[in-house]
């Protein structure tokens, strides 16, 4: 695998040459600091761009063009990472080498990718009103779907309560109440600001000719120089005097219990990989403490898991329970944290979890889009994704490291969504 990194005016480029994949995959990410005033407009931009361009004026025409490009795929996503709001555009095409005809598919695909990003369908000094109205409607449906999915809803409500004085409370898709204020003109203005102000990062992976790809990038991706946004870790926090308990009552069949902890560890810290392994021991795999002891042995939940936020330094545990089991479930969950802190877990469990975590990393290296996503996540922290290095870091974590990082956990907030009043 050969990795080439360089800067072309206002564009940061990473090219990864490998013969592992039969496709060539491209991702361009636009990152900007998370801002409540602009987040909803920014979240809408990728949807509008993907829906209509100057020459392909509706989704049907765009899909037909993708079919002409031998079934190429075009995708978008909107995420947040620590301090950052990230808009992503990705494209995947068959490598030219596997075509029967001597066609320059890569050239045609990159030209089309350029059109999606730089040549939107316009009306006057704004986007197409038809397209904006439709994409606003669809984004509104995303908010409705979030509300209807009580697992996701309760997870986000925990974040809102836990970080209510911090920017991290802001959802990556923004706020539903902002939608009616969005017009084709002010949305287009936000799009122009994205092109001129955001840090732009382009990543390409495949069995590529490096010089050929460089030439295509120089031809189709022209960005003026701009200030590079290098911050990612969100250090905004609070003093925890007591654990906040929020109980919300709605008509639901299954209560949702969410516990939020401050880890006091982020992706730039030396003990991040100890935290990664600790979280895997706690609630990622079927062998994890939460799954074994809360779900299987005590039969106190329908599902349970934990995850960590690398950029914010949070650990979230979420479970589906019977509302009558709130206290019991809470107590046993906290017991599992205590076990990690006291070192009351076996070396055999560590090794089983370590193998599972390493297997996940190996699977990432088998998927080009997953690889680029992980590569970009590492770039945000001034690092590079290297499978051998990742495995080595995980193998270096000791039982003592896991206990020490577990001792840094601070319980912050409990959020329970239930169908009737309960008390802990």
Protein backbone atom coordinates (compact mmCIF):
# COMPACT_ATOMS: atom_id res chain seq x y z
CA UNK A 1 0.00 0.00 0.00
CA UNK A 2 1.34 3.39 -1.04
CA UNK A 3 0.05 6.58 0.59
CA UNK A 4 0.63 10.04 -0.93
CA UNK A 5 -0.44 13.18 0.93
CA UNK A 6 -0.20 16.73 -0.37
CA UNK A 7 -1.95 20.09 -0.43
CA UNK A 8 -3.33 21.67 -3.60
CA UNK A 9 -4.13 25.29 -2.71
CA UNK A 10 -7.13 24.97 -0.36
CA UNK A 11 -7.54 21.20 -0.76
CA UNK A 12 -5.86 18.52 1.36
CA UNK A 13 -5.37 15.33 -0.66
CA UNK A 14 -4.69 11.76 0.44
CA UNK A 15 -4.14 9.14 -2.27
CA UNK A 16 -3.91 5.48 -1.28
CA UNK A 17 -2.72 3.03 -3.94
CA UNK A 18 -3.61 -0.60 -3.28
CA UNK A 19 -4.49 -3.59 -5.46
CA UNK A 20 -6.79 -4.95 -2.76
CA UNK A 21 -9.99 -3.51 -4.26
CA UNK A 22 -11.62 -3.73 -7.69
CA UNK A 23 -13.15 -0.28 -7.24
CA UNK A 24 -11.81 3.25 -7.04
CA UNK A 25 -13.42 5.16 -4.20
CA UNK A 26 -13.39 8.89 -3.55
CA UNK A 27 -14.54 10.87 -0.53
CA UNK A 28 -14.49 14.65 -0.16
CA UNK A 29 -15.19 16.02 3.30
CA UNK A 30 -16.01 19.60 4.24
CA UNK A 31 -15.40 20.36 7.90
CA UNK A 32 -16.38 23.43 9.88
CA UNK A 33 -16.79 24.21 13.57
CA UNK A 34 -20.20 23.17 14.88
CA UNK A 35 -22.48 26.21 15.05
CA UNK A 36 -26.14 26.18 16.06
CA UNK A 37 -26.95 29.09 13.72
CA UNK A 38 -25.75 27.35 10.56
CA UNK A 39 -25.99 23.62 11.32
CA UNK A 40 -29.43 22.97 9.77
CA UNK A 41 -28.65 24.78 6.53
CA UNK A 42 -25.32 22.95 6.28
CA UNK A 43 -27.03 19.60 6.92
CA UNK A 44 -29.41 20.28 4.03
CA UNK A 45 -26.71 21.21 1.50
CA UNK A 46 -25.47 17.66 0.61
CA UNK A 47 -29.05 16.50 0.01
CA UNK A 48 -29.73 19.41 -2.37
CA UNK A 49 -26.46 18.89 -4.26
CA UNK A 50 -27.09 15.14 -4.66
CA UNK A 51 -30.62 15.75 -5.99
CA UNK A 52 -30.03 17.99 -9.00
CA UNK A 53 -27.18 19.49 -11.00
CA UNK A 54 -26.96 21.89 -13.91
CA UNK A 55 -27.02 19.09 -16.49
CA UNK A 56 -28.84 16.38 -14.50
CA UNK A 57 -31.84 18.20 -13.09
CA UNK A 58 -33.55 15.52 -11.02
CA UNK A 59 -32.80 12.31 -9.15
CA UNK A 60 -33.88 10.13 -12.07
CA UNK A 61 -31.38 11.82 -14.41
CA UNK A 62 -28.61 11.49 -11.80
CA UNK A 63 -29.37 7.79 -11.31
CA UNK A 64 -29.34 7.24 -15.08
CA UNK A 65 -25.93 8.90 -15.26
CA UNK A 66 -24.63 6.65 -12.49
CA UNK A 67 -25.87 3.62 -14.44
CA UNK A 68 -23.99 4.89 -17.49
CA UNK A 69 -20.89 4.98 -15.30
CA UNK A 70 -21.17 1.17 -14.96
CA UNK A 71 -23.33 1.30 -11.85
CA UNK A 72 -21.29 3.86 -9.94
CA UNK A 73 -22.63 4.83 -6.50
CA UNK A 74 -22.96 8.31 -5.07
CA UNK A 75 -23.49 8.91 -1.37
CA UNK A 76 -23.61 11.66 1.22
CA UNK A 77 -23.50 11.87 5.00
CA UNK A 78 -23.63 14.53 7.71
CA UNK A 79 -21.79 13.90 10.98
CA UNK A 80 -20.23 15.61 13.93
CA UNK A 81 -16.87 14.77 15.48
CA UNK A 82 -15.91 16.66 18.61
CA UNK A 83 -15.98 20.35 17.67
CA UNK A 84 -16.58 19.66 13.99
CA UNK A 85 -19.56 19.46 11.65
CA UNK A 86 -18.58 17.31 8.68
CA UNK A 87 -20.33 17.06 5.30
CA UNK A 88 -19.21 14.09 3.21
CA UNK A 89 -19.65 13.22 -0.47
CA UNK A 90 -18.47 9.84 -1.71
CA UNK A 91 -18.33 8.03 -5.03
CA UNK A 92 -17.43 4.46 -5.92
CA UNK A 93 -16.69 3.19 -9.44
CA UNK A 94 -15.30 0.05 -11.04
CA UNK A 95 -11.59 0.34 -11.72
CA UNK A 96 -10.89 1.02 -15.41
CA UNK A 97 -8.74 -2.12 -15.54
CA UNK A 98 -11.78 -4.36 -15.24
CA UNK A 99 -13.71 -2.85 -18.15
CA UNK A 100 -13.92 -4.76 -21.43
CA UNK A 101 -13.74 -1.54 -23.42
CA UNK A 102 -10.79 0.82 -23.27
CA UNK A 103 -12.74 3.56 -21.49
CA UNK A 104 -11.52 6.27 -19.15
CA UNK A 105 -14.24 5.70 -16.56
CA UNK A 106 -12.26 7.42 -13.80
CA UNK A 107 -12.08 10.64 -15.83
CA UNK A 108 -15.81 10.59 -16.54
CA UNK A 109 -16.68 9.77 -12.92
CA UNK A 110 -14.53 12.54 -11.46
CA UNK A 111 -16.01 15.01 -13.96
CA UNK A 112 -19.49 14.01 -12.78
CA UNK A 113 -18.41 14.16 -9.11
CA UNK A 114 -17.21 17.70 -9.84
CA UNK A 115 -20.61 18.61 -11.27
CA UNK A 116 -22.45 17.31 -8.20
CA UNK A 117 -20.36 19.47 -5.89
CA UNK A 118 -19.67 22.58 -7.98
CA UNK A 119 -22.52 22.85 -10.49
CA UNK A 120 -25.83 22.68 -8.63
CA UNK A 121 -29.16 23.43 -10.30
CA UNK A 122 -29.80 27.15 -9.76
CA UNK A 123 -32.63 29.62 -10.14
CA UNK A 124 -31.44 33.22 -10.10
CA UNK A 125 -29.09 33.72 -7.16
CA UNK A 126 -30.21 30.63 -5.26
CA UNK A 127 -30.79 26.90 -5.55
CA UNK A 128 -33.77 25.50 -7.43
CA UNK A 129 -36.86 26.22 -5.32
CA UNK A 130 -38.40 22.88 -6.30
CA UNK A 131 -35.37 20.96 -5.09
CA UNK A 132 -35.08 22.90 -1.83
CA UNK A 133 -38.75 22.40 -0.97
CA UNK A 134 -38.49 18.66 -1.57
CA UNK A 135 -35.25 18.20 0.40
CA UNK A 136 -36.62 20.25 3.30
CA UNK A 137 -39.60 17.92 3.36
CA UNK A 138 -37.34 14.86 3.39
CA UNK A 139 -35.12 16.30 6.12
CA UNK A 140 -38.21 17.02 8.18
CA UNK A 141 -39.08 13.34 7.79
CA UNK A 142 -35.66 12.50 9.25
CA UNK A 143 -36.55 14.49 12.36
CA UNK A 144 -39.87 12.65 12.57
CA UNK A 145 -38.12 9.30 12.15
CA UNK A 146 -35.70 10.25 14.92
CA UNK A 147 -38.60 11.06 17.23
CA UNK A 148 -40.40 7.83 16.34
CA UNK A 149 -37.31 5.68 16.92
CA UNK A 150 -37.31 5.77 20.71
CA UNK A 151 -33.86 4.17 21.01
CA UNK A 152 -32.28 6.99 18.99
CA UNK A 153 -34.60 9.59 20.49
CA UNK A 154 -33.67 8.72 24.08
CA UNK A 155 -29.96 8.59 23.17
CA UNK A 156 -30.11 12.12 21.73
CA UNK A 157 -32.17 13.35 24.67
CA UNK A 158 -29.44 12.13 27.02
CA UNK A 159 -26.86 14.12 25.02
CA UNK A 160 -29.09 17.21 25.09
CA UNK A 161 -29.48 17.03 28.85
CA UNK A 162 -25.90 16.02 29.58
CA UNK A 163 -24.42 18.75 27.37
CA UNK A 164 -27.19 21.36 27.54
CA UNK A 165 -24.73 24.23 28.10
CA UNK A 166 -22.25 22.84 25.54
CA UNK A 167 -22.19 22.94 21.73
CA UNK A 168 -22.12 19.15 21.60
CA UNK A 169 -25.85 19.13 22.37
CA UNK A 170 -26.44 20.19 18.73
CA UNK A 171 -27.55 17.35 16.44
CA UNK A 172 -25.59 16.92 13.21
CA UNK A 173 -28.83 17.28 11.21
CA UNK A 174 -29.68 20.52 13.02
CA UNK A 175 -33.06 21.63 14.37
CA UNK A 176 -36.47 21.03 12.82
CA UNK A 177 -37.64 24.54 13.78
CA UNK A 178 -34.99 26.04 11.49
CA UNK A 179 -36.37 24.43 8.32
CA UNK A 180 -39.14 26.94 7.63
CA UNK A 181 -36.60 29.79 7.67
CA UNK A 182 -34.44 28.20 4.97
CA UNK A 183 -34.82 29.68 1.49
CA UNK A 184 -33.13 28.80 -1.82
CA UNK A 185 -31.12 32.04 -1.48
CA UNK A 186 -29.85 31.73 2.11
CA UNK A 187 -29.14 28.03 1.57
CA UNK A 188 -27.08 28.86 -1.53
CA UNK A 189 -25.20 31.51 0.48
CA UNK A 190 -24.35 28.83 3.09
CA UNK A 191 -23.19 26.54 0.29
CA UNK A 192 -20.87 29.24 -1.06
CA UNK A 193 -19.51 29.77 2.45
CA UNK A 194 -18.86 26.03 2.70
CA UNK A 195 -16.84 26.13 -0.53
CA UNK A 196 -14.75 29.13 0.53
CA UNK A 197 -14.34 28.64 4.29
CA UNK A 198 -14.54 24.94 5.13
CA UNK A 199 -11.41 22.82 5.31
CA UNK A 200 -11.73 20.47 2.32
CA UNK A 201 -10.18 17.00 2.40
CA UNK A 202 -10.20 14.64 -0.58
CA UNK A 203 -9.31 10.98 -0.15
CA UNK A 204 -8.97 8.42 -2.96
CA UNK A 205 -8.29 4.69 -2.64
CA UNK A 206 -7.84 1.99 -5.26
CA UNK A 207 -5.39 0.49 -7.73
CA UNK A 208 -4.72 3.96 -9.12
CA UNK A 209 -2.11 5.68 -11.23
CA UNK A 210 -0.97 8.36 -8.77
CA UNK A 211 0.09 10.89 -11.41
CA UNK A 212 -3.07 10.42 -13.42
CA UNK A 213 -5.26 11.01 -10.37
CA UNK A 214 -3.22 14.05 -9.39
CA UNK A 215 -3.86 15.53 -12.83
CA UNK A 216 -7.60 14.91 -12.58
CA UNK A 217 -7.76 16.47 -9.14
CA UNK A 218 -5.91 19.53 -10.35
CA UNK A 219 -8.36 19.82 -13.26
CA UNK A 220 -11.63 19.25 -11.41
CA UNK A 221 -11.14 20.27 -7.77
CA UNK A 222 -10.04 23.88 -7.59
CA UNK A 223 -10.17 25.43 -4.12
CA UNK A 224 -8.78 28.78 -3.10
CA UNK A 225 -6.43 28.77 -0.15
CA UNK A 226 -8.08 29.09 3.24
CA UNK A 227 -7.33 28.74 6.92
CA UNK A 228 -7.07 25.07 7.89
CA UNK A 229 -9.34 24.03 10.77
CA UNK A 230 -7.20 21.64 12.81
CA UNK A 231 -9.14 21.57 16.07
CA UNK A 232 -11.30 18.53 16.70
CA UNK A 233 -11.27 17.72 20.42
CA UNK A 234 -14.15 19.34 22.29
CA UNK A 235 -12.82 20.29 25.73
CA UNK A 236 -15.99 22.10 26.80
CA UNK A 237 -17.19 20.43 29.99
CA UNK A 238 -18.69 21.10 33.42
CA UNK A 239 -18.16 20.37 37.09
CA UNK A 240 -20.31 17.41 38.14
CA UNK A 241 -21.65 18.06 41.63
CA UNK A 242 -24.30 15.38 41.47
CA UNK A 243 -25.61 12.96 38.88
CA UNK A 244 -28.58 14.44 37.03
CA UNK A 245 -31.64 12.20 36.71
CA UNK A 246 -34.20 12.97 34.00
CA UNK A 247 -37.34 10.86 33.63
CA UNK A 248 -39.53 11.51 30.59
CA UNK A 249 -42.93 9.88 30.28
CA UNK A 250 -44.35 8.92 26.87
CA UNK A 251 -46.63 6.22 25.53
CA UNK A 252 -44.09 3.49 24.85
CA UNK A 253 -44.11 -0.27 25.41
CA UNK A 254 -40.48 -0.56 26.53
CA UNK A 255 -38.55 1.84 28.77
CA UNK A 256 -35.22 3.20 27.48
CA UNK A 257 -32.44 3.69 30.02
CA UNK A 258 -29.45 5.82 29.02
CA UNK A 259 -26.44 6.58 31.22
CA UNK A 260 -23.87 9.21 30.31
CA UNK A 261 -20.30 9.35 31.66
CA UNK A 262 -17.40 11.77 31.11
CA UNK A 263 -14.36 9.64 30.20
CA UNK A 264 -11.80 12.45 30.56
CA UNK A 265 -10.01 10.80 27.63
CA UNK A 266 -10.12 11.73 23.93
CA UNK A 267 -8.48 10.57 20.72
CA UNK A 268 -5.35 12.65 21.33
CA UNK A 269 -4.58 11.06 24.72
CA UNK A 270 -2.09 8.27 25.34
CA UNK A 271 -4.69 6.09 27.08
CA UNK A 272 -7.27 6.31 24.28
CA UNK A 273 -6.62 2.70 23.23
CA UNK A 274 -7.05 1.57 26.83
CA UNK A 275 -10.43 3.34 26.77
CA UNK A 276 -11.27 1.65 23.47
CA UNK A 277 -10.57 -1.79 24.92
CA UNK A 278 -12.32 -0.94 28.19
CA UNK A 279 -15.48 0.04 26.33
CA UNK A 280 -15.29 -3.18 24.29
CA UNK A 281 -15.07 -5.15 27.53
CA UNK A 282 -18.00 -3.22 28.92
CA UNK A 283 -20.63 -3.29 26.21
CA UNK A 284 -19.69 -3.92 22.57
CA UNK A 285 -19.65 -7.72 22.11
CA UNK A 286 -21.78 -10.68 23.27
CA UNK A 287 -18.97 -11.53 25.71
CA UNK A 288 -19.05 -8.03 27.25
CA UNK A 289 -19.88 -7.48 30.91
CA UNK A 290 -23.13 -5.62 30.29
CA UNK A 291 -24.45 -8.24 27.87
CA UNK A 292 -23.45 -11.21 30.05
CA UNK A 293 -24.45 -9.88 33.47
CA UNK A 294 -27.32 -7.46 32.85
CA UNK A 295 -29.04 -9.09 29.89
CA UNK A 296 -28.25 -12.81 30.16
CA UNK A 297 -27.76 -13.53 33.86
CA UNK A 298 -30.13 -10.97 35.41
CA UNK A 299 -32.55 -10.83 32.44
CA UNK A 300 -33.08 -7.12 33.09
CA UNK A 301 -32.94 -5.75 29.55
CA UNK A 302 -34.00 -6.49 25.99
CA UNK A 303 -30.81 -4.96 24.58
CA UNK A 304 -27.83 -3.20 26.09
CA UNK A 305 -24.63 -1.68 24.70
CA UNK A 306 -22.07 1.06 25.26
CA UNK A 307 -20.08 3.34 23.01
CA UNK A 308 -17.54 6.12 23.32
CA UNK A 309 -17.14 9.46 21.60
CA UNK A 310 -13.54 9.99 20.57
CA UNK A 311 -13.76 13.75 20.09
CA UNK A 312 -15.89 14.69 23.10
CA UNK A 313 -14.74 12.17 25.69
CA UNK A 314 -18.10 10.62 26.54
CA UNK A 315 -19.22 7.07 27.24
CA UNK A 316 -22.90 6.24 26.77
CA UNK A 317 -24.67 3.09 27.97
CA UNK A 318 -28.11 2.46 26.52
CA UNK A 319 -30.59 -0.30 27.28
CA UNK A 320 -34.20 -1.33 26.77
CA UNK A 321 -35.81 -2.38 30.06
CA UNK A 322 -39.10 -2.95 31.83
CA UNK A 323 -39.80 0.27 33.73
CA UNK A 324 -40.27 -1.74 36.95
CA UNK A 325 -36.63 -2.88 36.67
CA UNK A 326 -35.16 0.61 36.53
CA UNK A 327 -33.39 0.47 39.91
CA UNK A 328 -32.19 -3.12 39.52
CA UNK A 329 -30.86 -2.53 36.01
CA UNK A 330 -29.15 0.70 37.03
CA UNK A 331 -27.46 -0.94 40.03
CA UNK A 332 -26.09 -3.88 38.05
CA UNK A 333 -24.86 -1.60 35.26
CA UNK A 334 -22.94 0.47 37.80
CA UNK A 335 -21.55 -2.78 39.28
CA UNK A 336 -19.98 -3.57 35.90
CA UNK A 337 -18.22 -0.20 35.88
CA UNK A 338 -16.95 -0.94 39.39
CA UNK A 339 -15.63 -4.34 38.27
CA UNK A 340 -13.57 -2.65 35.56
CA UNK A 341 -12.24 -0.09 38.03
CA UNK A 342 -11.26 -2.78 40.56
CA UNK A 343 -9.76 -5.13 37.99
CA UNK A 344 -12.39 -7.80 38.64
CA UNK A 345 -12.25 -9.31 35.15
CA UNK A 346 -10.14 -12.10 33.70
CA UNK A 347 -7.20 -12.08 31.33
CA UNK A 348 -9.18 -14.57 29.25
CA UNK A 349 -11.96 -11.99 28.78
CA UNK A 350 -9.39 -9.36 27.81
CA UNK A 351 -7.89 -11.64 25.17
CA UNK A 352 -11.30 -12.62 23.78
CA UNK A 353 -12.26 -8.95 23.52
CA UNK A 354 -8.89 -7.97 22.10
CA UNK A 355 -9.30 -10.55 19.31
CA UNK A 356 -12.81 -9.30 18.52
CA UNK A 357 -11.60 -5.69 18.35
CA UNK A 358 -8.68 -6.66 16.10
CA UNK A 359 -11.04 -8.60 13.86
CA UNK A 360 -13.19 -5.46 13.47
CA UNK A 361 -10.09 -3.53 12.39
CA UNK A 362 -9.17 -6.21 9.85
CA UNK A 363 -12.71 -6.04 8.44
CA UNK A 364 -12.37 -2.27 8.01
CA UNK A 365 -9.30 -2.86 5.86
CA UNK A 366 -11.41 -5.09 3.57
CA UNK A 367 -13.93 -2.35 2.74
CA UNK A 368 -12.76 0.72 0.78
CA UNK A 369 -15.40 3.14 2.09
CA UNK A 370 -14.92 1.94 5.69
CA UNK A 371 -11.16 2.29 5.17
CA UNK A 372 -11.49 5.89 3.93
CA UNK A 373 -13.84 6.76 6.78
CA UNK A 374 -11.37 5.39 9.33
CA UNK A 375 -8.44 7.03 7.53
CA UNK A 376 -10.22 10.39 7.72
CA UNK A 377 -11.07 9.91 11.39
CA UNK A 378 -7.36 9.36 12.06
CA UNK A 379 -6.40 12.39 9.96
CA UNK A 380 -8.60 14.56 12.17
CA UNK A 381 -6.33 13.61 15.07
CA UNK A 382 -3.10 14.14 13.09
CA UNK A 383 -2.63 10.39 12.72
CA UNK A 384 -2.69 7.81 9.90
CA UNK A 385 -4.67 4.58 9.77
CA UNK A 386 -2.28 1.66 9.70
CA UNK A 387 -3.67 -1.78 10.48
CA UNK A 388 -0.45 -3.16 11.96
CA UNK A 389 -0.02 -0.09 14.13
CA UNK A 390 -3.64 -0.28 15.34
CA UNK A 391 -3.22 -3.93 16.27
CA UNK A 392 0.05 -3.20 18.05
CA UNK A 393 -1.56 -0.39 20.08
CA UNK A 394 -4.41 -2.65 21.14
CA UNK A 395 -2.02 -5.49 22.04
CA UNK A 396 0.00 -3.15 24.25
CA UNK A 397 -2.97 -2.39 26.51
CA UNK A 398 -2.70 -4.16 29.88
CA UNK A 399 -5.26 -5.08 32.50
CA UNK A 400 -3.89 -2.31 34.71
CA UNK A 401 -4.31 0.20 31.85
CA UNK A 402 -7.97 -0.80 31.52
CA UNK A 403 -8.63 -0.41 35.25
CA UNK A 404 -6.85 2.95 35.37
CA UNK A 405 -8.83 4.38 32.47
CA UNK A 406 -12.07 3.04 34.00
CA UNK A 407 -11.26 4.98 37.18
CA UNK A 408 -11.37 8.19 35.14
CA UNK A 409 -15.07 7.70 34.37
CA UNK A 410 -17.42 10.23 35.96
CA UNK A 411 -21.12 9.52 35.91
CA UNK A 412 -22.91 12.62 34.64
CA UNK A 413 -26.53 12.04 33.63
CA UNK A 414 -29.27 9.40 33.71
CA UNK A 415 -32.06 9.67 31.17
CA UNK A 416 -35.03 7.31 31.40
CA UNK A 417 -37.80 7.28 28.83
CA UNK A 418 -40.75 5.37 30.26
CA UNK A 419 -44.51 4.93 30.02
CA UNK A 420 -45.25 5.87 33.62
CA UNK A 421 -43.66 7.66 36.52
CA UNK A 422 -40.92 5.79 38.35
CA UNK A 423 -38.31 6.73 40.92
CA UNK A 424 -34.80 5.43 41.43
